[in-house]
């Protein structure tokens, strides 16, 4: 259903440092670099980059979408906690520490904002790991 996702930034180098660190435990790497935007994906499938970081096409300041959130799965609870801590140490801000959110679901979530203010969620369905 989704072809790709793109978030804007006013500091591409700073945002790339954040995403390089946060995506490392998930196995995502920079797989596409046009000089204006950088795509992330799995190294073994670089043609399938799905997440891009860029300065706005119209050259106006980037702003975070109000109500917009992008979620990434993590394979284990340990990885969920690791990614959350890396995000905070890499310039992200806390929007919700790792833990369950719904009484009827075992899924754990963690929420952060990247340095440009974009809201991200990381979640783990495999809470037995």
N, C-alpha and C. Protein backbone atom coordinates (compact mmCIF):
# COMPACT_ATOMS: atom_id res chain seq x y z
N UNK A 1 0.81 -1.19 0.00
CA UNK A 1 0.00 0.00 0.00
C UNK A 1 0.86 1.25 0.00
N UNK A 2 1.93 1.28 0.75
CA UNK A 2 2.77 2.48 0.84
C UNK A 2 4.01 2.30 -0.03
N UNK A 3 4.27 3.26 -0.89
CA UNK A 3 5.45 3.21 -1.75
C UNK A 3 6.70 3.64 -1.02
N UNK A 4 6.61 4.74 -0.26
CA UNK A 4 7.73 5.22 0.55
C UNK A 4 7.21 6.29 1.50
N UNK A 5 8.03 6.62 2.48
CA UNK A 5 7.74 7.69 3.44
C UNK A 5 8.88 8.69 3.38
N UNK A 6 8.57 9.96 3.55
CA UNK A 6 9.59 10.99 3.53
C UNK A 6 9.32 11.99 4.65
N UNK A 7 10.37 12.32 5.41
CA UNK A 7 10.25 13.35 6.44
C UNK A 7 11.19 14.49 6.08
N UNK A 8 10.76 15.70 6.41
CA UNK A 8 11.55 16.88 6.13
C UNK A 8 12.41 17.28 7.31
N UNK A 9 13.49 17.98 6.99
CA UNK A 9 14.40 18.48 8.00
C UNK A 9 15.03 19.78 7.52
N UNK A 10 15.43 20.61 8.46
CA UNK A 10 16.19 21.82 8.15
C UNK A 10 17.68 21.59 8.36
N UNK A 11 18.06 20.43 8.86
CA UNK A 11 19.45 20.07 9.13
C UNK A 11 19.66 18.63 8.69
N UNK A 12 19.93 18.43 7.40
CA UNK A 12 20.05 17.08 6.86
C UNK A 12 21.15 16.29 7.56
N UNK A 13 22.31 16.88 7.76
CA UNK A 13 23.41 16.16 8.40
C UNK A 13 23.04 15.72 9.82
N UNK A 14 22.41 16.60 10.57
CA UNK A 14 21.99 16.26 11.93
C UNK A 14 20.94 15.16 11.95
N UNK A 15 19.99 15.24 11.04
CA UNK A 15 18.96 14.21 10.97
C UNK A 15 19.54 12.87 10.53
N UNK A 16 20.49 12.90 9.61
CA UNK A 16 21.11 11.64 9.17
C UNK A 16 21.88 10.99 10.30
N UNK A 17 22.56 11.78 11.12
CA UNK A 17 23.27 11.22 12.27
C UNK A 17 22.28 10.54 13.21
N UNK A 18 21.12 11.17 13.44
CA UNK A 18 20.08 10.59 14.29
C UNK A 18 19.58 9.27 13.70
N UNK A 19 19.18 9.28 12.43
CA UNK A 19 18.61 8.07 11.83
C UNK A 19 19.65 6.97 11.64
N UNK A 20 20.89 7.33 11.33
CA UNK A 20 21.94 6.30 11.25
C UNK A 20 22.02 5.54 12.57
N UNK A 21 22.02 6.27 13.68
CA UNK A 21 22.14 5.65 15.01
C UNK A 21 20.89 4.85 15.37
N UNK A 22 19.72 5.43 15.16
CA UNK A 22 18.47 4.78 15.56
C UNK A 22 18.17 3.54 14.71
N UNK A 23 18.46 3.60 13.42
CA UNK A 23 18.15 2.48 12.54
C UNK A 23 19.16 1.35 12.61
N UNK A 24 20.35 1.61 13.14
CA UNK A 24 21.40 0.57 13.17
C UNK A 24 20.93 -0.72 13.84
N UNK A 25 20.31 -0.68 15.04
CA UNK A 25 19.87 -1.94 15.66
C UNK A 25 18.75 -2.65 14.89
N UNK A 26 18.07 -1.92 14.01
CA UNK A 26 16.99 -2.51 13.22
C UNK A 26 17.47 -3.06 11.89
N UNK A 27 18.75 -2.85 11.58
CA UNK A 27 19.32 -3.36 10.34
C UNK A 27 19.16 -2.46 9.14
N UNK A 28 18.59 -1.27 9.33
CA UNK A 28 18.41 -0.33 8.21
C UNK A 28 19.67 0.51 8.04
N UNK A 29 20.02 0.77 6.80
CA UNK A 29 21.20 1.57 6.47
C UNK A 29 20.83 2.57 5.39
N UNK A 30 21.71 3.57 5.19
CA UNK A 30 21.54 4.48 4.05
C UNK A 30 21.73 3.66 2.78
N UNK A 31 20.73 3.67 1.93
CA UNK A 31 20.78 2.88 0.70
C UNK A 31 20.60 3.72 -0.56
N UNK A 32 20.30 4.99 -0.40
CA UNK A 32 20.06 5.87 -1.55
C UNK A 32 20.42 7.29 -1.14
N UNK A 33 21.36 7.90 -1.85
CA UNK A 33 21.79 9.26 -1.50
C UNK A 33 21.86 10.09 -2.77
N UNK A 34 20.93 11.02 -2.92
CA UNK A 34 20.90 11.87 -4.11
C UNK A 34 21.67 13.17 -3.90
N UNK A 35 22.13 13.39 -2.66
CA UNK A 35 22.73 14.67 -2.32
C UNK A 35 21.70 15.62 -1.73
N UNK A 36 20.46 15.47 -2.11
CA UNK A 36 19.36 16.30 -1.58
C UNK A 36 18.51 15.52 -0.59
N UNK A 37 18.41 14.23 -0.80
CA UNK A 37 17.67 13.36 0.13
C UNK A 37 18.45 12.06 0.30
N UNK A 38 18.19 11.38 1.40
CA UNK A 38 18.83 10.10 1.68
C UNK A 38 17.75 9.09 2.03
N UNK A 39 17.83 7.92 1.40
CA UNK A 39 16.89 6.85 1.66
C UNK A 39 17.49 5.79 2.56
N UNK A 40 16.65 5.18 3.38
CA UNK A 40 17.06 4.09 4.26
C UNK A 40 16.29 2.83 3.90
N UNK A 41 16.96 1.71 4.05
CA UNK A 41 16.34 0.42 3.81
C UNK A 41 17.28 -0.68 4.25
N UNK A 42 16.98 -1.89 3.81
CA UNK A 42 17.84 -3.02 4.12
C UNK A 42 18.98 -3.07 3.11
N UNK A 43 20.23 -3.26 3.56
CA UNK A 43 21.37 -3.25 2.64
C UNK A 43 21.26 -4.30 1.54
N UNK A 44 20.63 -5.44 1.84
CA UNK A 44 20.52 -6.48 0.83
C UNK A 44 19.43 -6.18 -0.21
N UNK A 45 18.64 -5.12 0.02
CA UNK A 45 17.59 -4.72 -0.93
C UNK A 45 17.60 -3.20 -1.10
N UNK A 46 18.71 -2.62 -1.56
CA UNK A 46 18.79 -1.16 -1.64
C UNK A 46 17.76 -0.54 -2.57
N UNK A 47 17.29 -1.30 -3.53
CA UNK A 47 16.28 -0.77 -4.46
C UNK A 47 14.92 -0.59 -3.78
N UNK A 48 14.79 -1.12 -2.58
CA UNK A 48 13.53 -1.02 -1.85
C UNK A 48 13.60 -0.01 -0.70
N UNK A 49 14.38 1.04 -0.85
CA UNK A 49 14.42 2.08 0.17
C UNK A 49 13.01 2.60 0.38
N UNK A 50 12.59 2.66 1.63
CA UNK A 50 11.22 3.06 1.92
C UNK A 50 11.10 4.31 2.77
N UNK A 51 12.18 4.72 3.41
CA UNK A 51 12.12 5.86 4.32
C UNK A 51 13.18 6.87 3.89
N UNK A 52 12.74 8.10 3.62
CA UNK A 52 13.65 9.13 3.13
C UNK A 52 13.65 10.34 4.05
N UNK A 53 14.82 10.99 4.12
CA UNK A 53 15.00 12.22 4.88
C UNK A 53 15.46 13.28 3.88
N UNK A 54 14.85 14.46 3.91
CA UNK A 54 15.15 15.47 2.91
C UNK A 54 14.86 16.88 3.43
N UNK A 55 15.45 17.85 2.78
CA UNK A 55 15.00 19.22 2.95
C UNK A 55 13.77 19.39 2.08
N UNK A 56 12.83 20.27 2.43
CA UNK A 56 11.62 20.44 1.64
C UNK A 56 11.92 20.85 0.19
N UNK A 57 11.16 20.28 -0.72
CA UNK A 57 11.32 20.54 -2.14
C UNK A 57 11.13 22.02 -2.46
N UNK A 58 10.20 22.69 -1.75
CA UNK A 58 9.92 24.09 -2.03
C UNK A 58 10.90 25.05 -1.37
N UNK A 59 11.91 24.49 -0.70
CA UNK A 59 12.98 25.27 -0.04
C UNK A 59 12.47 26.12 1.13
N UNK A 60 11.24 25.91 1.56
CA UNK A 60 10.71 26.57 2.74
C UNK A 60 11.13 25.76 3.97
N UNK A 61 11.04 26.32 5.17
CA UNK A 61 11.42 25.56 6.37
C UNK A 61 10.58 24.30 6.54
N UNK A 62 11.24 23.24 6.95
CA UNK A 62 10.54 21.99 7.25
C UNK A 62 9.79 22.15 8.56
N UNK A 63 8.60 21.59 8.62
CA UNK A 63 7.83 21.56 9.86
C UNK A 63 7.30 20.14 10.05
N UNK A 64 7.17 19.72 11.30
CA UNK A 64 6.64 18.39 11.59
C UNK A 64 5.13 18.39 11.38
N UNK A 65 4.61 17.33 10.82
CA UNK A 65 3.18 17.22 10.60
C UNK A 65 2.42 17.05 11.90
N UNK A 66 1.41 17.85 12.11
CA UNK A 66 0.59 17.75 13.31
C UNK A 66 -0.34 16.55 13.16
N UNK A 67 -0.15 15.55 14.01
CA UNK A 67 -0.93 14.32 13.92
C UNK A 67 -0.26 13.23 13.11
N UNK A 68 0.88 13.54 12.51
CA UNK A 68 1.62 12.56 11.73
C UNK A 68 2.55 11.77 12.63
N UNK A 69 2.58 10.44 12.43
CA UNK A 69 3.49 9.58 13.18
C UNK A 69 3.84 8.40 12.29
N UNK A 70 5.11 8.04 12.30
CA UNK A 70 5.59 6.90 11.52
C UNK A 70 6.06 5.84 12.51
N UNK A 71 5.61 4.60 12.31
CA UNK A 71 5.93 3.52 13.26
C UNK A 71 6.84 2.48 12.62
N UNK A 72 7.78 1.99 13.43
CA UNK A 72 8.73 0.97 13.00
C UNK A 72 8.67 -0.22 13.95
N UNK A 73 8.56 -1.44 13.43
CA UNK A 73 8.58 -2.61 14.31
C UNK A 73 9.99 -2.92 14.79
N UNK A 74 10.08 -3.47 15.99
CA UNK A 74 11.35 -3.96 16.53
C UNK A 74 11.17 -5.45 16.80
N UNK A 75 12.24 -6.24 16.64
CA UNK A 75 12.08 -7.69 16.78
C UNK A 75 11.94 -8.18 18.22
N UNK A 76 12.48 -7.42 19.18
CA UNK A 76 12.46 -7.84 20.58
C UNK A 76 12.23 -6.64 21.49
N UNK A 77 11.83 -6.91 22.72
CA UNK A 77 11.70 -5.83 23.70
C UNK A 77 13.04 -5.18 23.98
N UNK A 78 14.09 -5.99 23.99
CA UNK A 78 15.43 -5.45 24.21
C UNK A 78 15.78 -4.43 23.13
N UNK A 79 15.48 -4.77 21.89
CA UNK A 79 15.74 -3.84 20.78
C UNK A 79 14.88 -2.59 20.91
N UNK A 80 13.64 -2.74 21.32
CA UNK A 80 12.76 -1.58 21.52
C UNK A 80 13.38 -0.61 22.52
N UNK A 81 13.84 -1.12 23.65
CA UNK A 81 14.46 -0.27 24.67
C UNK A 81 15.77 0.33 24.15
N UNK A 82 16.54 -0.46 23.41
CA UNK A 82 17.81 0.03 22.85
C UNK A 82 17.58 1.19 21.88
N UNK A 83 16.65 1.01 20.96
CA UNK A 83 16.36 2.05 19.97
C UNK A 83 15.87 3.33 20.66
N UNK A 84 15.02 3.19 21.64
CA UNK A 84 14.51 4.35 22.39
C UNK A 84 15.66 5.12 23.04
N UNK A 85 16.56 4.41 23.71
CA UNK A 85 17.70 5.07 24.37
C UNK A 85 18.63 5.73 23.35
N UNK A 86 18.88 5.04 22.25
CA UNK A 86 19.72 5.61 21.19
C UNK A 86 19.08 6.88 20.65
N UNK A 87 17.78 6.86 20.43
CA UNK A 87 17.08 8.04 19.91
C UNK A 87 17.27 9.24 20.85
N UNK A 88 17.13 9.02 22.14
CA UNK A 88 17.28 10.12 23.10
C UNK A 88 18.72 10.61 23.15
N UNK A 89 19.69 9.70 23.08
CA UNK A 89 21.10 10.08 23.11
C UNK A 89 21.55 10.75 21.82
N UNK A 90 20.78 10.57 20.75
CA UNK A 90 21.15 11.09 19.43
C UNK A 90 20.40 12.36 19.06
N UNK A 91 19.81 13.02 20.04
CA UNK A 91 19.15 14.30 19.78
C UNK A 91 17.64 14.23 19.69
N UNK A 92 17.06 13.05 19.86
CA UNK A 92 15.61 12.92 19.86
C UNK A 92 15.03 13.36 21.20
N UNK A 93 13.73 13.59 21.23
CA UNK A 93 13.06 13.95 22.48
C UNK A 93 12.00 12.91 22.81
N UNK A 94 11.80 12.72 24.09
CA UNK A 94 10.89 11.70 24.61
C UNK A 94 9.44 12.09 24.37
N UNK A 95 8.67 11.15 23.85
CA UNK A 95 7.22 11.32 23.71
C UNK A 95 6.48 10.17 24.38
N UNK A 96 7.22 9.27 25.06
CA UNK A 96 6.59 8.14 25.74
C UNK A 96 7.56 6.98 25.87
N UNK A 97 7.93 6.64 27.09
CA UNK A 97 8.89 5.56 27.34
C UNK A 97 8.32 4.21 26.92
N UNK A 98 9.20 3.23 26.65
CA UNK A 98 8.74 1.90 26.25
C UNK A 98 7.80 1.29 27.29
N UNK A 99 6.76 0.66 26.79
CA UNK A 99 5.82 -0.03 27.66
C UNK A 99 4.52 -0.33 26.94
N UNK A 100 3.65 -1.10 27.59
CA UNK A 100 2.34 -1.38 26.99
C UNK A 100 1.46 -0.13 27.05
N UNK A 101 0.54 -0.02 26.10
CA UNK A 101 -0.34 1.14 26.07
C UNK A 101 -1.82 0.77 26.20
N UNK A 102 -2.17 -0.43 25.77
CA UNK A 102 -3.58 -0.84 25.76
C UNK A 102 -3.78 -2.03 26.69
N UNK A 103 -4.87 -2.02 27.44
CA UNK A 103 -5.15 -3.12 28.37
C UNK A 103 -5.35 -4.45 27.66
N UNK A 104 -5.85 -4.42 26.44
CA UNK A 104 -6.17 -5.66 25.74
C UNK A 104 -5.11 -6.07 24.70
N UNK A 105 -3.93 -5.47 24.76
CA UNK A 105 -2.87 -5.79 23.79
C UNK A 105 -1.53 -5.93 24.50
N UNK A 106 -0.78 -6.98 24.18
CA UNK A 106 0.53 -7.15 24.79
C UNK A 106 1.62 -6.29 24.13
N UNK A 107 1.30 -5.65 23.01
CA UNK A 107 2.30 -4.88 22.27
C UNK A 107 2.85 -3.74 23.13
N UNK A 108 4.16 -3.57 23.05
CA UNK A 108 4.84 -2.47 23.75
C UNK A 108 5.23 -1.41 22.72
N UNK A 109 5.16 -0.15 23.12
CA UNK A 109 5.46 0.98 22.25
C UNK A 109 6.44 1.93 22.93
N UNK A 110 7.18 2.67 22.12
CA UNK A 110 8.00 3.78 22.59
C UNK A 110 7.85 4.90 21.56
N UNK A 111 7.81 6.14 22.04
CA UNK A 111 7.58 7.29 21.16
C UNK A 111 8.67 8.33 21.35
N UNK A 112 9.17 8.85 20.24
CA UNK A 112 10.18 9.92 20.26
C UNK A 112 9.89 10.89 19.13
N UNK A 113 10.52 12.04 19.21
CA UNK A 113 10.55 12.97 18.08
C UNK A 113 12.00 13.07 17.62
N UNK A 114 12.18 13.08 16.31
CA UNK A 114 13.53 13.24 15.78
C UNK A 114 13.97 14.70 15.97
N UNK A 115 15.22 15.04 15.65
CA UNK A 115 15.68 16.42 15.87
C UNK A 115 14.87 17.48 15.12
N UNK A 116 14.18 17.09 14.04
CA UNK A 116 13.36 18.04 13.28
C UNK A 116 11.93 18.10 13.81
N UNK A 117 11.60 17.29 14.82
CA UNK A 117 10.27 17.32 15.41
C UNK A 117 9.30 16.28 14.87
N UNK A 118 9.73 15.43 13.94
CA UNK A 118 8.86 14.39 13.40
C UNK A 118 8.63 13.31 14.46
N UNK A 119 7.38 12.91 14.65
CA UNK A 119 7.06 11.91 15.68
C UNK A 119 7.23 10.50 15.12
N UNK A 120 7.93 9.67 15.89
CA UNK A 120 8.20 8.29 15.53
C UNK A 120 7.70 7.37 16.63
N UNK A 121 7.21 6.22 16.24
CA UNK A 121 6.85 5.17 17.19
C UNK A 121 7.68 3.94 16.85
N UNK A 122 8.09 3.25 17.88
CA UNK A 122 8.74 1.95 17.73
C UNK A 122 7.92 0.99 18.56
N UNK A 123 7.69 -0.21 18.03
CA UNK A 123 6.83 -1.14 18.76
C UNK A 123 7.34 -2.56 18.65
N UNK A 124 6.93 -3.38 19.62
CA UNK A 124 7.30 -4.79 19.64
C UNK A 124 6.07 -5.62 19.94
N UNK A 125 5.70 -6.48 18.99
CA UNK A 125 4.60 -7.42 19.20
C UNK A 125 5.07 -8.69 19.89
N UNK A 126 6.37 -8.96 19.79
CA UNK A 126 6.96 -10.19 20.31
C UNK A 126 7.48 -9.95 21.73
N UNK A 127 6.57 -9.76 22.68
CA UNK A 127 6.97 -9.37 24.04
C UNK A 127 7.54 -10.53 24.85
N UNK A 128 7.46 -11.75 24.33
CA UNK A 128 8.03 -12.91 25.03
C UNK A 128 9.52 -13.03 24.79
N UNK A 129 10.06 -12.24 23.87
CA UNK A 129 11.49 -12.35 23.53
C UNK A 129 12.36 -11.59 24.50
